[in-house]
Amino acid sequence: MTFFVFGYDKYLARTNRRQVSEKTLLSLAFFWGSVGAVFAQKIFRHKSKKI
């Protein structure tokens, strides 16, 4: 689930739409699986430029 939400957020960013909040993304990673979040960051290059 986390993987797909990260992917959807990346899609929204590319189409200049309102994105999923950072708080929601971090909560999903914490409760639903950080592994999916890590894979999504690598595959979608999602928020990988932020420190």
N, C-alpha and C. Protein backbone atom coordinates (compact mmCIF):
# COMPACT_ATOMS: atom_id res chain seq x y z
N MET A 1 0.83 -1.19 0.00
CA MET A 1 0.00 0.00 0.00
C MET A 1 0.88 1.26 0.00
N THR A 2 1.88 1.25 0.84
CA THR A 2 2.77 2.41 0.93
C THR A 2 3.45 2.69 -0.40
N PHE A 3 3.90 1.62 -1.05
CA PHE A 3 4.57 1.73 -2.34
C PHE A 3 3.68 2.45 -3.36
N PHE A 4 2.41 2.04 -3.42
CA PHE A 4 1.49 2.63 -4.40
C PHE A 4 1.14 4.08 -4.08
N VAL A 5 1.03 4.42 -2.82
CA VAL A 5 0.74 5.82 -2.45
C VAL A 5 1.93 6.72 -2.81
N PHE A 6 3.15 6.23 -2.58
CA PHE A 6 4.33 7.00 -2.97
C PHE A 6 4.35 7.20 -4.49
N GLY A 7 4.00 6.15 -5.23
CA GLY A 7 3.94 6.26 -6.68
C GLY A 7 2.87 7.24 -7.14
N TYR A 8 1.72 7.20 -6.50
CA TYR A 8 0.63 8.12 -6.82
C TYR A 8 1.04 9.55 -6.51
N ASP A 9 1.74 9.75 -5.41
CA ASP A 9 2.22 11.09 -5.06
C ASP A 9 3.19 11.61 -6.11
N LYS A 10 4.05 10.75 -6.61
CA LYS A 10 4.99 11.15 -7.65
C LYS A 10 4.23 11.52 -8.92
N TYR A 11 3.20 10.76 -9.26
CA TYR A 11 2.36 11.08 -10.41
C TYR A 11 1.71 12.46 -10.25
N LEU A 12 1.19 12.73 -9.06
CA LEU A 12 0.58 14.04 -8.80
C LEU A 12 1.60 15.16 -8.95
N ALA A 13 2.82 14.93 -8.49
CA ALA A 13 3.86 15.95 -8.59
C ALA A 13 4.20 16.24 -10.06
N ARG A 14 4.25 15.20 -10.85
CA ARG A 14 4.60 15.38 -12.27
C ARG A 14 3.50 16.08 -13.05
N THR A 15 2.25 15.94 -12.61
CA THR A 15 1.13 16.56 -13.31
C THR A 15 0.71 17.88 -12.66
N ASN A 16 1.57 18.40 -11.79
CA ASN A 16 1.33 19.70 -11.12
C ASN A 16 0.01 19.76 -10.37
N ARG A 17 -0.29 18.71 -9.65
CA ARG A 17 -1.50 18.67 -8.82
C ARG A 17 -1.09 18.67 -7.36
N ARG A 18 -2.07 18.87 -6.51
CA ARG A 18 -1.81 18.86 -5.07
C ARG A 18 -1.35 17.47 -4.65
N GLN A 19 -0.25 17.41 -3.92
CA GLN A 19 0.35 16.15 -3.55
C GLN A 19 -0.14 15.64 -2.20
N VAL A 20 0.18 14.40 -1.92
CA VAL A 20 -0.11 13.79 -0.63
C VAL A 20 0.83 14.44 0.39
N SER A 21 0.31 14.74 1.56
CA SER A 21 1.13 15.45 2.55
C SER A 21 2.28 14.59 3.04
N GLU A 22 3.35 15.25 3.43
CA GLU A 22 4.53 14.58 3.96
C GLU A 22 4.18 13.77 5.22
N LYS A 23 3.31 14.33 6.03
CA LYS A 23 2.87 13.65 7.25
C LYS A 23 2.18 12.33 6.93
N THR A 24 1.34 12.33 5.91
CA THR A 24 0.65 11.12 5.50
C THR A 24 1.63 10.08 4.98
N LEU A 25 2.58 10.51 4.17
CA LEU A 25 3.57 9.58 3.62
C LEU A 25 4.41 8.95 4.73
N LEU A 26 4.83 9.76 5.68
CA LEU A 26 5.64 9.23 6.77
C LEU A 26 4.83 8.31 7.68
N SER A 27 3.57 8.65 7.90
CA SER A 27 2.70 7.78 8.71
C SER A 27 2.48 6.44 8.02
N LEU A 28 2.27 6.46 6.72
CA LEU A 28 2.12 5.20 5.98
C LEU A 28 3.38 4.36 6.07
N ALA A 29 4.52 5.00 5.93
CA ALA A 29 5.78 4.26 6.02
C ALA A 29 5.95 3.65 7.40
N PHE A 30 5.54 4.35 8.42
CA PHE A 30 5.70 3.86 9.79
C PHE A 30 4.73 2.71 10.09
N PHE A 31 3.46 2.89 9.74
CA PHE A 31 2.44 1.92 10.11
C PHE A 31 2.25 0.79 9.10
N TRP A 32 2.41 1.07 7.82
CA TRP A 32 2.11 0.08 6.78
C TRP A 32 3.33 -0.53 6.13
N GLY A 33 4.50 -0.05 6.45
CA GLY A 33 5.69 -0.70 5.92
C GLY A 33 6.71 0.24 5.34
N SER A 34 7.83 0.30 6.00
CA SER A 34 8.91 1.16 5.52
C SER A 34 9.61 0.54 4.32
N VAL A 35 9.53 -0.77 4.16
CA VAL A 35 10.16 -1.43 3.02
C VAL A 35 9.55 -0.94 1.71
N GLY A 36 8.23 -0.83 1.68
CA GLY A 36 7.55 -0.31 0.49
C GLY A 36 7.95 1.13 0.20
N ALA A 37 8.13 1.92 1.25
CA ALA A 37 8.53 3.31 1.08
C ALA A 37 9.95 3.41 0.52
N VAL A 38 10.84 2.56 1.00
CA VAL A 38 12.22 2.59 0.52
C VAL A 38 12.27 2.18 -0.95
N PHE A 39 11.56 1.11 -1.32
CA PHE A 39 11.52 0.69 -2.71
C PHE A 39 10.91 1.77 -3.60
N ALA A 40 9.85 2.41 -3.13
CA ALA A 40 9.22 3.47 -3.91
C ALA A 40 10.17 4.65 -4.11
N GLN A 41 10.93 5.00 -3.08
CA GLN A 41 11.88 6.09 -3.22
C GLN A 41 12.92 5.77 -4.27
N LYS A 42 13.37 4.53 -4.30
CA LYS A 42 14.39 4.13 -5.28
C LYS A 42 13.82 4.05 -6.69
N ILE A 43 12.66 3.41 -6.83
CA ILE A 43 12.09 3.20 -8.16
C ILE A 43 11.53 4.48 -8.76
N PHE A 44 10.77 5.25 -7.98
CA PHE A 44 10.15 6.47 -8.49
C PHE A 44 11.03 7.70 -8.32
N ARG A 45 12.19 7.52 -7.70
CA ARG A 45 13.08 8.65 -7.34
C ARG A 45 12.26 9.70 -6.59
N HIS A 46 11.54 9.22 -5.60
CA HIS A 46 10.58 10.03 -4.85
C HIS A 46 11.27 10.68 -3.65
N LYS A 47 11.25 11.98 -3.63
CA LYS A 47 11.82 12.77 -2.54
C LYS A 47 13.25 12.34 -2.20
N SER A 48 13.99 11.96 -3.22
CA SER A 48 15.36 11.49 -3.00
C SER A 48 16.38 12.62 -3.06
N LYS A 49 15.97 13.79 -3.51
CA LYS A 49 16.88 14.92 -3.56
C LYS A 49 16.86 15.74 -2.28
N LYS A 50 15.80 15.53 -1.47
CA LYS A 50 15.71 16.23 -0.19
C LYS A 50 16.63 15.59 0.82
N ILE A 51 17.22 16.40 1.66
CA ILE A 51 18.08 15.86 2.71
C ILE A 51 17.26 15.56 3.94
